[in-house]
Protein backbone atom coordinates (compact mmCIF):
# COMPACT_ATOMS: atom_id res chain seq x y z
CA MET A 1 39.39 214.17 100.53
CA ALA A 2 42.75 215.43 101.34
CA HIS A 3 42.08 214.48 104.90
CA LEU A 4 41.12 211.01 103.83
CA GLN A 5 44.14 210.79 101.69
CA SER A 6 46.24 211.91 104.56
CA LEU A 7 44.79 209.05 106.54
CA GLY A 8 45.48 206.66 103.67
CA LEU A 9 41.79 205.90 103.09
CA GLY A 10 41.02 207.88 99.97
CA ASP A 11 41.87 207.32 96.38
CA THR A 12 45.51 207.17 95.73
CA GLU A 13 47.39 207.31 92.56
CA GLU A 14 47.92 203.83 91.31
CA GLY A 15 51.43 202.96 90.21
CA PRO A 16 53.17 199.80 89.24
CA PRO A 17 53.21 197.14 92.01
CA ARG A 18 56.42 196.80 93.87
CA SER A 19 57.89 193.30 93.48
CA SER A 20 59.35 191.69 96.59
CA PRO A 21 62.97 190.66 96.29
CA PRO A 22 63.39 186.93 95.39
CA PRO A 23 64.41 184.61 98.22
CA SER A 24 68.13 184.21 98.37
CA SER A 25 69.41 180.62 97.53
CA PRO A 26 72.06 179.07 99.81
CA PRO A 27 75.53 179.75 98.61
CA PRO A 28 77.24 176.78 96.85
CA PRO A 29 79.54 174.75 99.09
CA PRO A 30 83.10 175.77 98.77
CA LYS A 31 85.14 173.46 96.59
CA PRO A 32 87.65 171.40 98.52
CA SER A 33 91.00 172.82 98.10
CA ARG A 34 93.75 170.89 96.40
CA GLN A 35 95.66 170.90 99.64
CA TYR A 36 92.79 169.16 101.44
CA LEU A 37 92.54 166.44 98.77
CA ARG A 38 96.24 165.85 98.94
CA LYS A 39 96.04 165.49 102.70
CA ALA A 40 93.13 162.97 102.55
CA PHE A 41 94.91 160.90 99.90
CA GLY A 42 98.04 160.87 102.00
CA GLN A 43 96.10 159.62 105.03
CA PHE A 44 94.53 156.85 102.93
CA ILE A 45 97.91 155.73 101.62
CA PHE A 46 99.31 155.79 105.16
CA LEU A 47 96.50 153.64 106.56
CA THR A 48 96.82 151.20 103.65
CA LEU A 49 100.56 150.84 104.15
CA LEU A 50 100.02 150.47 107.90
CA LEU A 51 97.55 147.63 107.42
CA LEU A 52 99.79 145.95 104.87
CA SER A 53 102.76 146.24 107.20
CA ALA A 54 100.73 144.78 110.07
CA GLY A 55 99.55 141.92 107.85
CA VAL A 56 103.08 141.18 106.66
CA GLY A 57 104.31 141.28 110.24
CA VAL A 58 101.61 138.90 111.44
CA LEU A 59 102.26 136.57 108.51
CA GLY A 60 106.00 136.63 109.18
CA GLY A 61 105.40 135.89 112.85
CA LEU A 62 103.14 132.95 112.01
CA ILE A 63 105.70 131.56 109.59
CA PHE A 64 108.46 131.91 112.19
CA VAL A 65 106.41 130.26 114.95
CA TYR A 66 104.85 127.44 112.94
CA SER A 67 107.90 126.62 110.83
CA SER A 68 110.27 126.34 113.78
CA ASP A 69 109.33 122.70 114.44
CA LEU A 70 108.72 121.65 110.84
CA PRO A 71 110.93 118.96 109.29
CA GLN A 72 113.66 120.03 106.93
CA ILE A 73 113.22 119.39 103.24
CA GLN A 74 116.23 117.08 103.39
CA GLN A 75 114.07 114.60 105.29
CA LEU A 76 111.80 114.48 102.25
CA MET A 77 114.76 113.72 100.00
CA ASP A 78 115.80 110.86 102.32
CA TYR A 79 112.27 109.50 102.80
CA ARG A 80 111.85 105.82 102.09
CA PRO A 81 108.31 104.38 102.32
CA ASP A 82 107.59 101.02 103.87
CA VAL A 83 107.59 98.28 101.24
CA MET A 84 106.39 94.68 101.33
CA THR A 85 108.83 91.81 101.71
CA GLU A 86 108.00 89.20 99.06
CA LEU A 87 108.85 85.49 99.02
CA TYR A 88 109.39 83.52 95.83
CA ALA A 89 109.55 79.81 95.12
CA ALA A 90 112.46 78.20 93.26
CA ASP A 91 110.77 78.90 89.89
CA GLY A 92 109.98 82.56 90.76
CA THR A 93 106.34 82.07 91.75
CA PRO A 94 105.26 84.45 94.55
CA ILE A 95 104.34 82.40 97.61
CA GLY A 96 103.93 85.02 100.36
CA SER A 97 104.55 88.54 101.60
CA PHE A 98 105.07 90.36 104.90
CA ALA A 99 104.19 94.01 105.49
CA LEU A 100 102.64 96.49 107.88
CA GLU A 101 101.59 98.59 104.86
CA ARG A 102 100.77 96.75 101.65
CA ARG A 103 102.52 98.85 99.02
CA VAL A 104 103.88 98.29 95.51
CA ILE A 105 106.24 101.05 94.34
CA VAL A 106 105.75 102.34 90.78
CA THR A 107 107.37 105.08 88.69
CA TYR A 108 105.62 108.00 87.02
CA ASP A 109 105.71 106.31 83.61
CA GLN A 110 103.95 103.24 85.05
CA ILE A 111 100.90 105.30 86.07
CA PRO A 112 98.43 105.28 83.13
CA LYS A 113 96.93 108.50 81.84
CA VAL A 114 93.37 107.43 82.66
CA LEU A 115 94.30 107.08 86.34
CA ARG A 116 96.19 110.40 86.38
CA ASP A 117 93.18 112.15 84.87
CA ALA A 118 90.82 110.56 87.42
CA ILE A 119 92.96 111.58 90.41
CA LEU A 120 93.66 115.15 89.29
CA SER A 121 90.08 115.83 88.12
CA VAL A 122 88.62 115.13 91.56
CA GLU A 123 91.50 115.98 93.90
CA ASP A 124 93.43 118.86 92.31
CA ARG A 125 92.54 119.92 88.78
CA ASN A 126 94.99 122.87 88.89
CA PHE A 127 97.89 120.70 90.04
CA GLU A 128 100.04 121.47 86.99
CA SER A 129 99.76 125.25 87.41
CA HIS A 130 99.71 126.10 91.13
CA TRP A 131 102.74 126.48 93.43
CA GLY A 132 101.54 124.28 96.26
CA ILE A 133 98.48 126.36 97.21
CA ASP A 134 95.51 126.84 94.89
CA VAL A 135 94.46 130.39 95.80
CA ILE A 136 91.33 130.37 93.63
CA ARG A 137 90.20 127.11 95.19
CA VAL A 138 90.86 128.46 98.69
CA VAL A 139 88.75 131.57 98.03
CA ARG A 140 85.94 129.52 96.49
CA ALA A 141 85.94 127.06 99.38
CA ALA A 142 85.96 129.89 101.94
CA MET A 143 82.97 131.58 100.27
CA THR A 144 81.05 128.31 100.15
CA ASP A 145 81.80 127.60 103.81
CA VAL A 146 80.62 131.07 104.83
CA LEU A 147 77.42 130.88 102.77
CA GLU A 148 76.51 127.42 104.02
CA TRP A 149 77.83 128.09 107.54
CA ARG A 150 79.75 124.84 107.64
CA ARG A 151 82.87 123.25 106.21
CA ALA A 152 81.32 122.25 102.90
CA GLN A 153 84.44 122.18 100.72
CA GLY A 154 88.08 121.41 101.22
CA ALA A 155 90.90 123.38 99.64
CA SER A 156 93.86 121.07 100.15
CA THR A 157 95.92 120.59 97.04
CA LEU A 158 97.53 117.29 96.20
CA THR A 159 100.87 118.65 97.44
CA MET A 160 99.30 119.69 100.75
CA GLN A 161 97.84 116.21 101.17
CA LEU A 162 101.30 114.76 100.54
CA SER A 163 102.92 117.03 103.15
CA ARG A 164 100.27 116.04 105.69
CA ARG A 165 100.79 112.37 104.97
CA LEU A 166 104.58 112.59 105.21
CA PHE A 167 105.17 114.83 108.20
CA LEU A 168 102.01 116.02 109.98
CA SER A 169 99.21 114.60 112.08
CA PRO A 170 95.62 114.30 110.80
CA GLU A 171 94.27 116.74 113.42
CA LYS A 172 92.02 119.52 112.14
CA SER A 173 93.39 122.85 113.34
CA TRP A 174 94.53 126.17 111.90
CA ARG A 175 98.07 125.45 113.08
CA ARG A 176 98.26 122.18 111.17
CA LYS A 177 96.69 123.78 108.09
CA PHE A 178 99.24 126.59 108.12
CA GLN A 179 102.14 124.15 108.52
CA GLU A 180 100.68 122.06 105.71
CA ALA A 181 100.74 125.07 103.39
CA ILE A 182 104.35 125.95 104.30
CA LEU A 183 105.52 122.40 103.67
CA ALA A 184 103.62 122.27 100.37
CA ILE A 185 105.46 125.37 99.14
CA GLN A 186 108.80 123.87 100.14
CA ILE A 187 107.98 120.60 98.37
CA GLU A 188 107.01 122.46 95.20
CA ARG A 189 110.31 124.34 95.26
CA HIS A 190 112.49 121.22 95.51
CA LEU A 191 110.56 118.56 93.55
CA THR A 192 109.11 118.44 90.08
CA LYS A 193 105.42 117.85 89.41
CA PRO A 194 105.99 114.23 88.22
CA GLN A 195 108.02 113.51 91.38
CA ILE A 196 105.29 114.91 93.62
CA PHE A 197 102.56 113.00 91.83
CA THR A 198 104.52 109.75 91.96
CA LEU A 199 105.12 110.14 95.71
CA TYR A 200 101.41 110.77 96.22
CA CYS A 201 100.40 107.70 94.20
CA ASN A 202 102.78 105.46 96.16
CA LEU A 203 101.99 106.73 99.69
CA ILE A 204 98.27 107.49 99.91
CA PRO A 205 96.19 104.98 101.96
CA LEU A 206 93.36 103.38 100.00
CA GLY A 207 91.71 101.07 102.50
CA HIS A 208 92.04 97.53 103.83
CA GLY A 209 95.76 97.91 104.54
CA ASN A 210 96.62 98.95 100.98
CA PHE A 211 98.84 101.97 100.37
CA GLY A 212 99.34 103.37 96.91
CA PHE A 213 97.33 102.82 93.74
CA ALA A 214 99.35 99.84 92.50
CA ALA A 215 98.61 97.80 95.63
CA ALA A 216 94.96 98.91 95.55
CA ALA A 217 94.59 97.86 91.90
CA GLN A 218 95.91 94.41 92.75
CA PHE A 219 93.67 94.10 95.80
CA TYR A 220 90.36 95.36 94.36
CA PHE A 221 90.66 94.16 90.75
CA GLY A 222 93.60 91.74 90.60
CA LYS A 223 95.21 93.93 87.91
CA ARG A 224 98.29 95.99 87.23
CA LEU A 225 97.86 99.73 86.78
CA ASP A 226 98.20 99.55 83.00
CA GLN A 227 95.29 97.08 82.86
CA LEU A 228 92.72 99.36 84.55
CA THR A 229 89.59 100.39 82.70
CA LEU A 230 87.98 103.83 82.98
CA PRO A 231 85.37 102.80 85.62
CA GLU A 232 88.06 101.02 87.66
CA ALA A 233 90.41 104.02 87.53
CA ALA A 234 87.55 106.32 88.59
CA LEU A 235 86.73 104.06 91.53
CA LEU A 236 90.35 104.13 92.74
CA GLY A 237 90.58 107.88 92.13
CA GLY A 238 87.67 108.51 94.50
CA LEU A 239 89.11 106.54 97.43
CA PRO A 240 91.74 108.98 98.85
CA ARG A 241 89.16 111.31 100.43
CA THR A 242 87.70 108.59 102.70
CA PRO A 243 89.09 105.11 102.00
CA THR A 244 86.88 103.39 104.57
CA GLY A 245 83.74 105.41 103.86
CA TYR A 246 83.96 104.76 100.11
CA SER A 247 85.18 101.17 100.35
CA PRO A 248 83.49 99.04 97.67
CA LEU A 249 83.69 96.07 100.04
CA LEU A 250 81.94 97.75 102.96
CA TYR A 251 79.67 100.23 101.16
CA PRO A 252 79.19 99.23 97.50
CA GLU A 253 76.44 101.75 96.73
CA ARG A 254 78.38 104.62 98.31
CA ALA A 255 81.47 103.58 96.32
CA ARG A 256 79.44 103.55 93.10
CA LEU A 257 78.12 107.07 93.71
CA ARG A 258 81.63 108.31 94.47
CA ARG A 259 82.93 106.69 91.28
CA ASN A 260 80.25 108.48 89.28
CA GLN A 261 81.27 111.79 90.88
CA VAL A 262 84.81 111.22 89.67
CA LEU A 263 83.53 110.41 86.18
CA ALA A 264 81.47 113.62 86.18
CA ALA A 265 84.55 115.62 87.23
CA MET A 266 86.55 114.04 84.40
CA ARG A 267 83.82 115.00 81.92
CA GLU A 268 83.69 118.59 83.20
CA ASN A 269 87.48 118.77 83.02
CA GLY A 270 87.42 117.66 79.38
CA LYS A 271 89.20 114.35 79.99
CA ILE A 272 86.42 112.10 78.69
CA SER A 273 83.54 112.57 76.28
CA GLU A 274 79.86 112.45 77.11
CA ALA A 275 79.53 109.03 75.49
CA ARG A 276 82.39 107.52 77.51
CA TYR A 277 80.96 109.11 80.66
CA ARG A 278 77.55 107.50 80.15
CA GLN A 279 79.06 104.13 79.33
CA ALA A 280 81.36 104.12 82.36
CA ARG A 281 78.61 105.40 84.65
CA ALA A 282 76.42 102.40 83.76
CA ALA A 283 79.19 99.85 84.36
CA PRO A 284 79.02 97.66 87.52
CA LEU A 285 81.75 97.75 90.13
CA ASP A 286 83.04 94.34 88.93
CA LEU A 287 85.43 93.69 91.83
CA ASN A 288 87.92 90.84 91.89
CA ILE A 289 89.26 90.88 95.44
CA GLN A 290 92.76 89.44 95.83
CA ARG A 291 93.50 89.19 99.55
CA TRP A 292 97.08 89.24 100.75
CA THR A 293 97.05 85.71 102.15
CA ASN A 294 99.56 82.91 101.88
CA THR A 295 97.72 80.02 100.21
CA ILE A 296 100.79 78.11 99.06
CA ALA A 297 102.74 76.32 101.80
CA PRO A 298 101.63 78.62 104.65
CA TYR A 299 103.61 76.71 107.29
CA PHE A 300 106.76 76.95 105.18
CA VAL A 301 106.21 80.69 104.66
CA GLU A 302 105.72 81.21 108.40
CA ASP A 303 108.94 79.33 109.12
CA VAL A 304 110.79 81.59 106.65
CA ARG A 305 109.33 84.68 108.36
CA LEU A 306 110.59 83.54 111.76
CA PHE A 307 114.02 82.88 110.29
CA LEU A 308 114.17 86.31 108.62
CA GLU A 309 113.04 88.16 111.75
CA LYS A 310 115.66 86.36 113.80
CA LYS A 311 118.41 87.14 111.29
CA TYR A 312 117.49 90.69 110.14
CA GLY A 313 114.93 91.99 112.66
CA ALA A 314 111.16 92.48 112.46
CA GLU A 315 111.43 96.08 111.21
CA THR A 316 113.57 95.10 108.23
CA VAL A 317 111.30 92.18 107.34
CA HIS A 318 108.04 94.17 107.48
CA GLU A 319 109.16 97.59 106.20
CA LYS A 320 112.26 97.39 104.00
CA GLY A 321 110.94 95.39 101.07
CA LEU A 322 113.17 92.32 100.96
CA ARG A 323 113.06 89.97 97.97
CA VAL A 324 113.56 86.42 99.28
CA SER A 325 114.13 83.40 97.03
CA THR A 326 113.44 80.02 98.61
CA THR A 327 114.01 76.39 97.63
CA LEU A 328 110.30 75.54 97.58
CA ASP A 329 109.10 73.54 94.56
CA VAL A 330 105.48 74.57 94.03
CA ASN A 331 104.52 71.45 92.07
CA LEU A 332 105.99 69.07 94.64
CA GLN A 333 104.33 71.08 97.43
CA ARG A 334 100.91 70.73 95.83
CA ILE A 335 101.46 67.01 95.26
CA ALA A 336 102.47 66.58 98.91
CA GLU A 337 99.44 68.53 100.19
CA GLN A 338 97.08 66.49 97.97
CA ALA A 339 98.68 63.25 99.18
CA LEU A 340 98.21 64.33 102.81
CA GLN A 341 94.55 65.19 102.25
CA ASN A 342 93.92 61.86 100.51
CA GLY A 343 95.67 59.99 103.33
CA LEU A 344 93.60 61.74 105.99
CA ARG A 345 90.37 60.86 104.21
CA VAL A 346 91.46 57.21 103.86
CA TYR A 347 92.44 57.09 107.54
CA ASP A 348 89.11 58.56 108.61
CA LYS A 349 87.17 56.17 106.39
CA ARG A 350 89.15 53.13 107.61
CA HIS A 351 88.31 53.84 111.25
CA GLY A 352 84.63 54.35 110.49
CA TRP A 353 82.11 56.47 112.35
CA ARG A 354 83.18 57.09 115.93
CA GLY A 355 80.07 58.75 117.29
CA PRO A 356 79.01 62.40 117.55
CA GLU A 357 81.38 65.09 118.63
CA THR A 358 81.43 65.70 122.38
CA ASN A 359 80.04 68.95 123.75
CA ILE A 360 82.95 70.09 125.90
CA LEU A 361 80.73 72.54 127.77
CA LYS A 362 78.41 69.79 129.04
CA ASN A 363 81.06 67.08 129.22
CA PRO A 364 84.42 68.71 129.99
CA PRO A 365 87.43 66.80 128.67
CA THR A 366 89.69 64.93 131.05
CA ASN A 367 93.40 64.38 131.25
CA PRO A 368 94.89 60.97 130.40
CA ASP A 369 94.94 60.14 134.13
CA GLY A 370 91.17 60.73 134.38
CA ALA A 371 91.36 64.09 136.14
CA ARG A 372 89.25 66.94 134.83
CA ASP A 373 91.05 69.39 132.55
CA LEU A 374 91.23 72.61 134.53
CA HIS A 375 91.88 74.64 131.39
CA ALA A 376 88.53 73.76 129.82
CA PRO A 377 85.86 76.51 129.69
CA ARG A 378 82.94 76.26 132.12
CA LEU A 379 79.25 77.01 131.72
CA ALA A 380 77.72 80.38 132.54
CA GLY A 381 77.61 81.01 136.26
CA GLY A 382 81.08 79.61 136.78
CA ALA A 383 82.44 80.84 133.48
CA ARG A 384 86.09 80.63 132.77
CA SER A 385 87.73 81.31 129.44
CA GLY A 386 90.88 79.59 128.38
CA PRO A 387 92.43 77.29 125.81
CA THR A 388 90.92 73.89 125.15
CA ARG A 389 93.15 70.86 124.94
CA ALA A 390 92.45 67.99 122.56
CA TRP A 391 93.47 64.43 123.35
CA PRO A 392 93.65 61.61 120.80
CA ARG A 393 90.97 58.94 120.91
CA ASP A 394 91.91 55.39 121.89
């Protein structure tokens, strides 16, 4: 037994089981020292200041480069837009006009509130509060462009549009956009909001040779600005973005949809009620086109134009806005024109029917001596273009 116990095979005295030591857990990570945190914070501040300094330097360099060839603000103060030269009869009746840009200058007080609300609601609703650049609108437009992966929205304020119209080209580039922003800030610093808005309303092109809202109101509706209705003001307010594309003469349906967009913007901006919006949206375009043509004594008006150009120069006549009073009596002119028309009809009736008109392509006219008129056009195959002479019948 003792032998077995010595071999560890016999009975042994049982005692309490020995418990194995618990596994040791990893020691907690050492807490960062205050010195380490201070060092990391210092590096973060350094990198932030470095990036800000680099950004300020790049921005300063861009301003220096792109503003070196920009016009001075004094040129804006001296700017004079092209204005129509108007002719008046002896009694003050307008009988004609000459212009490269059809424009009627108005003051801020002559622009009705309904037109101001239409323009600002769709073009620049934060015009009264921004300083030339609408930062919120820029960020929103940039996010929309990135999400849709195209240039879906524009961010040009009304002041930026004015600077582009006055001094810059219409090219689409980052350089032009940056210059546009710089000029807009300068304009905001030197002009008041009413002055900026008035300049915009007098200069912006609105299609068919009309510049400014007063000229456009006369052309499209035959009205002054203070006579415009809500639908008419909304139609004009939607033209600046694309005057040709939204022309009610060329694309009536497109113009109507654009007008309704302006009305919706006015409703969202709190300028009109829901009832007025629905009523204006259902209104027809109701155009009353007044073309800039000389219908009274056109030959007399042309003779006056030639005289003025000879005396003052073509640039003065077509750009400086002369007011010319003539000796024409409108009533006598109409009587004379009616007498001429009556006389021509009597003359034609007295001579009777003189046969059908001659086809000058098949039977070329001849000179009084019987020779063929060499200036007459020929048939296809020996075609020649040129003026056609007319000779009186025997």
